[in-house]
Amino acid sequence: MWQGFTGWHALIILVVILLLFGAPKLPALARSLGQSMKILKSEVRSDKGDDSATTTEADAAVQPKSDEPNRGTSA
């Protein structure tokens, strides 16, 4: 799909974006996009931290305590 994409295509896309949004609105658009990416990254990092804490708590609940005798079948 992207094999034929060249520098000229990118230049044409940039010109079309400039015509659609206008030069004065482009810095505000870029700033808004940057802030959105920053928020997305922080949310993804916080979700990963929550997942690792949850799995650690779940693992601790599943593992038997070492001072209790093994009540399973003997191997």
PDB file of N, CA and C in Angstrom:
ATOM      1  N   MET A   1       0.827  -1.195   0.000  1.00  0.00           N
ATOM      2  CA  MET A   1       0.000   0.000   0.000  1.00  0.00           C
ATOM      3  C   MET A   1       0.870   1.257   0.000  1.00  0.00           C
ATOM      4  N   TRP A   2       1.948   1.248   0.766  1.00  0.00           N
ATOM      5  CA  TRP A   2       2.793   2.440   0.868  1.00  0.00           C
ATOM      6  C   TRP A   2       4.029   2.359  -0.018  1.00  0.00           C
ATOM      7  N   GLN A   3       4.136   1.367  -0.906  1.00  0.00           N
ATOM      8  CA  GLN A   3       5.324   1.226  -1.725  1.00  0.00           C
ATOM      9  C   GLN A   3       5.522   2.417  -2.666  1.00  0.00           C
ATOM     10  N   GLY A   4       4.452   2.997  -3.175  1.00  0.00           N
ATOM     11  CA  GLY A   4       4.553   4.096  -4.130  1.00  0.00           C
ATOM     12  C   GLY A   4       4.548   5.473  -3.486  1.00  0.00           C
ATOM     13  N   PHE A   5       4.576   5.546  -2.160  1.00  0.00           N
ATOM     14  CA  PHE A   5       4.515   6.827  -1.452  1.00  0.00           C
ATOM     15  C   PHE A   5       5.887   7.489  -1.499  1.00  0.00           C
ATOM     16  N   THR A   6       5.959   8.670  -2.110  1.00  0.00           N
ATOM     17  CA  THR A   6       7.242   9.368  -2.245  1.00  0.00           C
ATOM     18  C   THR A   6       7.178  10.723  -1.555  1.00  0.00           C
ATOM     19  N   GLY A   7       8.262  11.445  -1.621  1.00  0.00           N
ATOM     20  CA  GLY A   7       8.326  12.787  -1.037  1.00  0.00           C
ATOM     21  C   GLY A   7       7.334  13.744  -1.672  1.00  0.00           C
ATOM     22  N   TRP A   8       7.087  13.568  -2.969  1.00  0.00           N
ATOM     23  CA  TRP A   8       6.124  14.433  -3.643  1.00  0.00           C
ATOM     24  C   TRP A   8       4.712  14.223  -3.089  1.00  0.00           C
ATOM     25  N   HIS A   9       4.381  12.983  -2.784  1.00  0.00           N
ATOM     26  CA  HIS A   9       3.055  12.703  -2.214  1.00  0.00           C
ATOM     27  C   HIS A   9       2.915  13.387  -0.855  1.00  0.00           C
ATOM     28  N   ALA A  10       3.958  13.315  -0.026  1.00  0.00           N
ATOM     29  CA  ALA A  10       3.925  13.956   1.289  1.00  0.00           C
ATOM     30  C   ALA A  10       3.783  15.464   1.145  1.00  0.00           C
ATOM     31  N   LEU A  11       4.479  16.049   0.168  1.00  0.00           N
ATOM     32  CA  LEU A  11       4.392  17.493  -0.058  1.00  0.00           C
ATOM     33  C   LEU A  11       2.984  17.891  -0.482  1.00  0.00           C
ATOM     34  N   ILE A  12       2.366  17.103  -1.331  1.00  0.00           N
ATOM     35  CA  ILE A  12       0.997  17.395  -1.775  1.00  0.00           C
ATOM     36  C   ILE A  12       0.031  17.297  -0.601  1.00  0.00           C
ATOM     37  N   ILE A  13       0.201  16.291   0.250  1.00  0.00           N
ATOM     38  CA  ILE A  13      -0.663  16.143   1.428  1.00  0.00           C
ATOM     39  C   ILE A  13      -0.500  17.333   2.360  1.00  0.00           C
ATOM     40  N   LEU A  14       0.737  17.794   2.574  1.00  0.00           N
ATOM     41  CA  LEU A  14       0.970  18.962   3.429  1.00  0.00           C
ATOM     42  C   LEU A  14       0.328  20.217   2.853  1.00  0.00           C
ATOM     43  N   VAL A  15       0.383  20.397   1.540  1.00  0.00           N
ATOM     44  CA  VAL A  15      -0.247  21.562   0.901  1.00  0.00           C
ATOM     45  C   VAL A  15      -1.760  21.508   1.072  1.00  0.00           C
ATOM     46  N   VAL A  16      -2.346  20.333   0.914  1.00  0.00           N
ATOM     47  CA  VAL A  16      -3.797  20.187   1.080  1.00  0.00           C
ATOM     48  C   VAL A  16      -4.195  20.498   2.525  1.00  0.00           C
ATOM     49  N   ILE A  17      -3.419  20.011   3.497  1.00  0.00           N
ATOM     50  CA  ILE A  17      -3.708  20.300   4.910  1.00  0.00           C
ATOM     51  C   ILE A  17      -3.604  21.795   5.173  1.00  0.00           C
ATOM     52  N   LEU A  18      -2.595  22.439   4.595  1.00  0.00           N
ATOM     53  CA  LEU A  18      -2.430  23.881   4.754  1.00  0.00           C
ATOM     54  C   LEU A  18      -3.620  24.632   4.173  1.00  0.00           C
ATOM     55  N   LEU A  19      -4.110  24.182   3.030  1.00  0.00           N
ATOM     56  CA  LEU A  19      -5.264  24.842   2.419  1.00  0.00           C
ATOM     57  C   LEU A  19      -6.538  24.619   3.234  1.00  0.00           C
ATOM     58  N   LEU A  20      -6.684  23.436   3.812  1.00  0.00           N
ATOM     59  CA  LEU A  20      -7.889  23.137   4.582  1.00  0.00           C
ATOM     60  C   LEU A  20      -7.935  23.898   5.904  1.00  0.00           C
ATOM     61  N   PHE A  21      -6.848  23.893   6.639  1.00  0.00           N
ATOM     62  CA  PHE A  21      -6.846  24.475   7.977  1.00  0.00           C
ATOM     63  C   PHE A  21      -6.346  25.908   8.020  1.00  0.00           C
ATOM     64  N   GLY A  22      -5.563  26.328   7.071  1.00  0.00           N
ATOM     65  CA  GLY A  22      -5.020  27.677   7.068  1.00  0.00           C
ATOM     66  C   GLY A  22      -3.780  27.768   7.932  1.00  0.00           C
ATOM     67  N   ALA A  23      -2.884  28.677   7.579  1.00  0.00           N
ATOM     68  CA  ALA A  23      -1.605  28.819   8.277  1.00  0.00           C
ATOM     69  C   ALA A  23      -1.756  29.215   9.747  1.00  0.00           C
ATOM     70  N   PRO A  24      -2.665  30.105  10.123  1.00  0.00           N
ATOM     71  CA  PRO A  24      -2.750  30.495  11.535  1.00  0.00           C
ATOM     72  C   PRO A  24      -3.209  29.371  12.472  1.00  0.00           C
ATOM     73  N   LYS A  25      -3.987  28.430  11.975  1.00  0.00           N
ATOM     74  CA  LYS A  25      -4.517  27.368  12.833  1.00  0.00           C
ATOM     75  C   LYS A  25      -3.570  26.184  12.979  1.00  0.00           C
ATOM     76  N   LEU A  26      -2.564  26.057  12.118  1.00  0.00           N
ATOM     77  CA  LEU A  26      -1.668  24.902  12.166  1.00  0.00           C
ATOM     78  C   LEU A  26      -0.874  24.800  13.466  1.00  0.00           C
ATOM     79  N   PRO A  27      -0.295  25.884  14.023  1.00  0.00           N
ATOM     80  CA  PRO A  27       0.414  25.734  15.302  1.00  0.00           C
ATOM     81  C   PRO A  27      -0.495  25.262  16.437  1.00  0.00           C
ATOM     82  N   ALA A  28      -1.721  25.762  16.474  1.00  0.00           N
ATOM     83  CA  ALA A  28      -2.663  25.327  17.508  1.00  0.00           C
ATOM     84  C   ALA A  28      -3.036  23.860  17.307  1.00  0.00           C
ATOM     85  N   LEU A  29      -3.164  23.445  16.061  1.00  0.00           N
ATOM     86  CA  LEU A  29      -3.479  22.054  15.761  1.00  0.00           C
ATOM     87  C   LEU A  29      -2.331  21.134  16.191  1.00  0.00           C
ATOM     88  N   ALA A  30      -1.108  21.547  15.921  1.00  0.00           N
ATOM     89  CA  ALA A  30       0.060  20.748  16.309  1.00  0.00           C
ATOM     90  C   ALA A  30       0.198  20.690  17.829  1.00  0.00           C
ATOM     91  N   ARG A  31      -0.043  21.798  18.509  1.00  0.00           N
ATOM     92  CA  ARG A  31       0.027  21.836  19.977  1.00  0.00           C
ATOM     93  C   ARG A  31      -1.020  20.912  20.577  1.00  0.00           C
ATOM     94  N   SER A  32      -2.221  20.944  20.047  1.00  0.00           N
ATOM     95  CA  SER A  32      -3.293  20.087  20.538  1.00  0.00           C
ATOM     96  C   SER A  32      -2.964  18.616  20.316  1.00  0.00           C
ATOM     97  N   LEU A  33      -2.384  18.304  19.166  1.00  0.00           N
ATOM     98  CA  LEU A  33      -1.999  16.925  18.881  1.00  0.00           C
ATOM     99  C   LEU A  33      -0.914  16.459  19.839  1.00  0.00           C
ATOM    100  N   GLY A  34       0.055  17.319  20.133  1.00  0.00           N
ATOM    101  CA  GLY A  34       1.123  16.979  21.072  1.00  0.00           C
ATOM    102  C   GLY A  34       0.601  16.734  22.471  1.00  0.00           C
ATOM    103  N   GLN A  35      -0.322  17.572  22.929  1.00  0.00           N
ATOM    104  CA  GLN A  35      -0.909  17.389  24.255  1.00  0.00           C
ATOM    105  C   GLN A  35      -1.704  16.091  24.321  1.00  0.00           C
ATOM    106  N   SER A  36      -2.411  15.773  23.251  1.00  0.00           N
ATOM    107  CA  SER A  36      -3.186  14.528  23.222  1.00  0.00           C
ATOM    108  C   SER A  36      -2.272  13.315  23.297  1.00  0.00           C
ATOM    109  N   MET A  37      -1.140  13.370  22.583  1.00  0.00           N
ATOM    110  CA  MET A  37      -0.190  12.261  22.628  1.00  0.00           C
ATOM    111  C   MET A  37       0.420  12.114  24.012  1.00  0.00           C
ATOM    112  N   LYS A  38       0.690  13.240  24.687  1.00  0.00           N
ATOM    113  CA  LYS A  38       1.262  13.204  26.026  1.00  0.00           C
ATOM    114  C   LYS A  38       0.277  12.563  27.008  1.00  0.00           C
ATOM    115  N   ILE A  39      -0.984  12.909  26.900  1.00  0.00           N
ATOM    116  CA  ILE A  39      -2.025  12.345  27.766  1.00  0.00           C
ATOM    117  C   ILE A  39      -2.171  10.847  27.496  1.00  0.00           C
ATOM    118  N   LEU A  40      -2.156  10.460  26.211  1.00  0.00           N
ATOM    119  CA  LEU A  40      -2.284   9.051  25.853  1.00  0.00           C
ATOM    120  C   LEU A  40      -1.131   8.234  26.425  1.00  0.00           C
ATOM    121  N   LYS A  41       0.096   8.739  26.317  1.00  0.00           N
ATOM    122  CA  LYS A  41       1.260   8.027  26.852  1.00  0.00           C
ATOM    123  C   LYS A  41       1.159   7.866  28.360  1.00  0.00           C
ATOM    124  N   SER A  42       0.739   8.919  29.060  1.00  0.00           N
ATOM    125  CA  SER A  42       0.640   8.819  30.513  1.00  0.00           C
ATOM    126  C   SER A  42      -0.449   7.824  30.927  1.00  0.00           C
ATOM    127  N   GLU A  43      -1.541   7.774  30.196  1.00  0.00           N
ATOM    128  CA  GLU A  43      -2.609   6.824  30.509  1.00  0.00           C
ATOM    129  C   GLU A  43      -2.163   5.391  30.251  1.00  0.00           C
ATOM    130  N   VAL A  44      -1.431   5.176  29.170  1.00  0.00           N
ATOM    131  CA  VAL A  44      -0.951   3.822  28.863  1.00  0.00           C
ATOM    132  C   VAL A  44       0.032   3.369  29.935  1.00  0.00           C
ATOM    133  N   ARG A  45       0.916   4.261  30.360  1.00  0.00           N
ATOM    134  CA  ARG A  45       1.877   3.910  31.415  1.00  0.00           C
ATOM    135  C   ARG A  45       1.164   3.591  32.721  1.00  0.00           C
ATOM    136  N   SER A  46       0.151   4.367  33.073  1.00  0.00           N
ATOM    137  CA  SER A  46      -0.562   4.116  34.325  1.00  0.00           C
ATOM    138  C   SER A  46      -1.356   2.816  34.251  1.00  0.00           C
ATOM    139  N   ASP A  47      -1.892   2.492  33.074  1.00  0.00           N
ATOM    140  CA  ASP A  47      -2.613   1.224  32.916  1.00  0.00           C
ATOM    141  C   ASP A  47      -1.663   0.038  33.047  1.00  0.00           C
ATOM    142  N   LYS A  48      -0.458   0.149  32.496  1.00  0.00           N
ATOM    143  CA  LYS A  48       0.513  -0.933  32.624  1.00  0.00           C
ATOM    144  C   LYS A  48       0.917  -1.118  34.074  1.00  0.00           C
ATOM    145  N   GLY A  49       1.062  -0.037  34.828  1.00  0.00           N
ATOM    146  CA  GLY A  49       1.404  -0.123  36.242  1.00  0.00           C
ATOM    147  C   GLY A  49       0.296  -0.781  37.041  1.00  0.00           C
ATOM    148  N   ASP A  50      -0.964  -0.472  36.711  1.00  0.00           N
ATOM    149  CA  ASP A  50      -2.094  -1.086  37.400  1.00  0.00           C
ATOM    150  C   ASP A  50      -2.163  -2.578  37.112  1.00  0.00           C
ATOM    151  N   ASP A  51      -1.892  -2.977  35.888  1.00  0.00           N
ATOM    152  CA  ASP A  51      -1.945  -4.388  35.521  1.00  0.00           C
ATOM    153  C   ASP A  51      -0.887  -5.192  36.247  1.00  0.00           C
ATOM    154  N   SER A  52       0.326  -4.672  36.356  1.00  0.00           N
ATOM    155  CA  SER A  52       1.384  -5.429  37.025  1.00  0.00           C
ATOM    156  C   SER A  52       1.105  -5.542  38.520  1.00  0.00           C
ATOM    157  N   ALA A  53       0.530  -4.511  39.124  1.00  0.00           N
ATOM    158  CA  ALA A  53       0.187  -4.575  40.538  1.00  0.00           C
ATOM    159  C   ALA A  53      -0.938  -5.586  40.762  1.00  0.00           C
ATOM    160  N   THR A  54      -1.889  -5.648  39.854  1.00  0.00           N
ATOM    161  CA  THR A  54      -2.999  -6.586  39.977  1.00  0.00           C
ATOM    162  C   THR A  54      -2.507  -8.018  39.833  1.00  0.00           C
ATOM    163  N   THR A  55      -1.615  -8.289  38.882  1.00  0.00           N
ATOM    164  CA  THR A  55      -1.140  -9.652  38.719  1.00  0.00           C
ATOM    165  C   THR A  55      -0.276 -10.071  39.898  1.00  0.00           C
ATOM    166  N   THR A  56       0.464  -9.158  40.491  1.00  0.00           N
ATOM    167  CA  THR A  56       1.281  -9.491  41.657  1.00  0.00           C
ATOM    168  C   THR A  56       0.391  -9.868  42.835  1.00  0.00           C
ATOM    169  N   GLU A  57      -0.686  -9.120  43.045  1.00  0.00           N
ATOM    170  CA  GLU A  57      -1.615  -9.428  44.125  1.00  0.00           C
ATOM    171  C   GLU A  57      -2.301 -10.772  43.870  1.00  0.00           C
ATOM    172  N   ALA A  58      -2.657 -11.038  42.620  1.00  0.00           N
ATOM    173  CA  ALA A  58      -3.317 -12.300  42.287  1.00  0.00           C
ATOM    174  C   ALA A  58      -2.362 -13.468  42.478  1.00  0.00           C
ATOM    175  N   ASP A  59      -1.102 -13.303  42.084  1.00  0.00           N
ATOM    176  CA  ASP A  59      -0.117 -14.363  42.270  1.00  0.00           C
ATOM    177  C   ASP A  59       0.102 -14.653  43.748  1.00  0.00           C
ATOM    178  N   ALA A  60       0.123 -13.634  44.574  1.00  0.00           N
ATOM    179  CA  ALA A  60       0.335 -13.818  46.009  1.00  0.00           C
ATOM    180  C   ALA A  60      -0.855 -14.558  46.630  1.00  0.00           C
ATOM    181  N   ALA A  61      -2.050 -14.314  46.117  1.00  0.00           N
ATOM    182  CA  ALA A  61      -3.234 -14.971  46.662  1.00  0.00           C
ATOM    183  C   ALA A  61      -3.285 -16.443  46.264  1.00  0.00           C
ATOM    184  N   VAL A  62      -2.739 -16.800  45.100  1.00  0.00           N
ATOM    185  CA  VAL A  62      -2.803 -18.164  44.610  1.00  0.00           C
ATOM    186  C   VAL A  62      -1.742 -19.048  45.253  1.00  0.00           C
ATOM    187  N   GLN A  63      -0.565 -18.519  45.503  1.00  0.00           N
ATOM    188  CA  GLN A  63       0.527 -19.322  46.040  1.00  0.00           C
ATOM    189  C   GLN A  63       0.275 -19.660  47.508  1.00  0.00           C
ATOM    190  N   PRO A  64       0.472 -20.934  47.897  1.00  0.00           N
ATOM    191  CA  PRO A  64       0.260 -21.318  49.303  1.00  0.00           C
ATOM    192  C   PRO A  64       1.386 -20.770  50.177  1.00  0.00           C
ATOM    193  N   LYS A  65       1.069 -20.599  51.434  1.00  0.00           N
ATOM    194  CA  LYS A  65       2.075 -20.131  52.383  1.00  0.00           C
ATOM    195  C   LYS A  65       3.052 -21.262  52.660  1.00  0.00           C
ATOM    196  N   SER A  66       4.289 -20.914  52.935  1.00  0.00           N
ATOM    197  CA  SER A  66       5.318 -21.940  53.110  1.00  0.00           C
ATOM    198  C   SER A  66       5.193 -22.666  54.451  1.00  0.00           C
ATOM    199  N   ASP A  67       4.570 -22.059  55.477  1.00  0.00           N
ATOM    200  CA  ASP A  67       4.471 -22.710  56.781  1.00  0.00           C
ATOM    201  C   ASP A  67       3.311 -23.705  56.864  1.00  0.00           C
ATOM    202  N   GLU A  68       2.419 -23.729  55.849  1.00  0.00           N
ATOM    203  CA  GLU A  68       1.319 -24.687  55.847  1.00  0.00           C
ATOM    204  C   GLU A  68       1.796 -26.001  55.235  1.00  0.00           C
ATOM    205  N   PRO A  69       1.351 -27.131  55.759  1.00  0.00           N
ATOM    206  CA  PRO A  69       1.743 -28.419  55.176  1.00  0.00           C
ATOM    207  C   PRO A  69       1.085 -28.594  53.806  1.00  0.00           C
ATOM    208  N   ASN A  70       1.720 -29.347  52.920  1.00  0.00           N
ATOM    209  CA  ASN A  70       1.199 -29.614  51.607  1.00  0.00           C
ATOM    210  C   ASN A  70       0.101 -30.658  51.723  1.00  0.00           C
ATOM    211  N   ARG A  71      -1.130 -30.291  51.356  1.00  0.00           N
ATOM    212  CA  ARG A  71      -2.276 -31.202  51.507  1.00  0.00           C
ATOM    213  C   ARG A  71      -2.628 -31.879  50.196  1.00  0.00           C
ATOM    214  N   GLY A  72      -1.839 -31.659  49.158  1.00  0.00           N
ATOM    215  CA  GLY A  72      -2.126 -32.273  47.860  1.00  0.00           C
ATOM    216  C   GLY A  72      -1.640 -33.699  47.823  1.00  0.00           C
ATOM    217  N   THR A  73      -1.764 -34.328  46.678  1.00  0.00           N
ATOM    218  CA  THR A  73      -1.276 -35.698  46.528  1.00  0.00           C
ATOM    219  C   THR A  73       0.233 -35.698  46.466  1.00  0.00           C
ATOM    220  N   SER A  74       0.833 -36.724  46.951  1.00  0.00           N
ATOM    221  CA  SER A  74       2.289 -36.779  46.931  1.00  0.00           C
ATOM    222  C   SER A  74       2.757 -37.293  45.588  1.00  0.00           C
ATOM    223  N   ALA A  75       3.851 -36.731  45.125  1.00  0.00           N
ATOM    224  CA  ALA A  75       4.335 -37.063  43.785  1.00  0.00           C
ATOM    225  C   ALA A  75       5.377 -38.150  43.822  1.00  0.00           C
TER     226      ALA A  75
END
